[in-house]
C-alpha atoms as a PDB file:
ATOM      1  CA  MET A   1     -24.793 -11.737 -82.800  1.00  0.00           C
ATOM      2  CA  ASP A   2     -21.337 -12.445 -81.081  1.00  0.00           C
ATOM      3  CA  GLN A   3     -21.666 -10.122 -78.500  1.00  0.00           C
ATOM      4  CA  GLY A   4     -25.557 -11.321 -77.795  1.00  0.00           C
ATOM      5  CA  SER A   5     -24.518 -14.909 -77.339  1.00  0.00           C
ATOM      6  CA  ARG A   6     -21.607 -13.974 -74.999  1.00  0.00           C
ATOM      7  CA  GLN A   7     -24.061 -12.323 -72.690  1.00  0.00           C
ATOM      8  CA  ALA A   8     -26.702 -14.789 -72.606  1.00  0.00           C
ATOM      9  CA  GLY A   9     -24.717 -17.909 -72.036  1.00  0.00           C
ATOM     10  CA  PRO A  10     -23.421 -16.074 -68.818  1.00  0.00           C
ATOM     11  CA  ALA A  11     -26.820 -14.851 -67.422  1.00  0.00           C
ATOM     12  CA  ILE A  12     -28.378 -18.609 -67.683  1.00  0.00           C
ATOM     13  CA  ALA A  13     -25.581 -20.039 -65.991  1.00  0.00           C
ATOM     14  CA  ASP A  14     -26.439 -17.970 -62.887  1.00  0.00           C
ATOM     15  CA  MET A  15     -29.818 -18.277 -63.135  1.00  0.00           C
ATOM     16  CA  ARG A  16     -29.087 -22.170 -63.102  1.00  0.00           C
ATOM     17  CA  ASP A  17     -26.787 -22.211 -60.002  1.00  0.00           C
ATOM     18  CA  PRO A  18     -27.810 -18.955 -57.293  1.00  0.00           C
ATOM     19  CA  GLU A  19     -25.858 -20.468 -55.134  1.00  0.00           C
ATOM     20  CA  ILE A  20     -22.748 -18.749 -57.202  1.00  0.00           C
ATOM     21  CA  ILE A  21     -24.876 -15.301 -57.123  1.00  0.00           C
ATOM     22  CA  LYS A  22     -25.151 -15.519 -52.880  1.00  0.00           C
ATOM     23  CA  GLN A  23     -21.332 -15.825 -53.048  1.00  0.00           C
ATOM     24  CA  GLU A  24     -20.509 -12.661 -55.506  1.00  0.00           C
ATOM     25  CA  ILE A  25     -22.731 -10.715 -53.467  1.00  0.00           C
ATOM     26  CA  GLU A  26     -21.729 -11.450 -49.865  1.00  0.00           C
ATOM     27  CA  GLN A  27     -18.040 -11.046 -51.881  1.00  0.00           C
ATOM     28  CA  THR A  28     -18.934  -7.660 -53.165  1.00  0.00           C
ATOM     29  CA  ARG A  29     -20.653  -7.054 -49.701  1.00  0.00           C
ATOM     30  CA  HIS A  30     -17.060  -7.745 -47.713  1.00  0.00           C
ATOM     31  CA  GLU A  31     -15.384  -5.735 -50.246  1.00  0.00           C
ATOM     32  CA  LEU A  32     -17.846  -3.017 -49.384  1.00  0.00           C
ATOM     33  CA  GLY A  33     -17.483  -3.373 -45.916  1.00  0.00           C
ATOM     34  CA  GLU A  34     -14.151  -2.955 -45.880  1.00  0.00           C
ATOM     35  CA  LEU A  35     -14.012   0.769 -48.197  1.00  0.00           C
ATOM     36  CA  VAL A  36     -16.734   1.885 -45.537  1.00  0.00           C
ATOM     37  CA  GLU A  37     -14.460   1.102 -42.700  1.00  0.00           C
END
């Protein structure tokens, strides 16, 4: 029960803040770009 609540919390927060998702994606792309180069 505890683990389910922990997973649901962040997921809901991400859905409410699409800007956070965008920032995470941009950061991930930047990191991947450095690895490719």
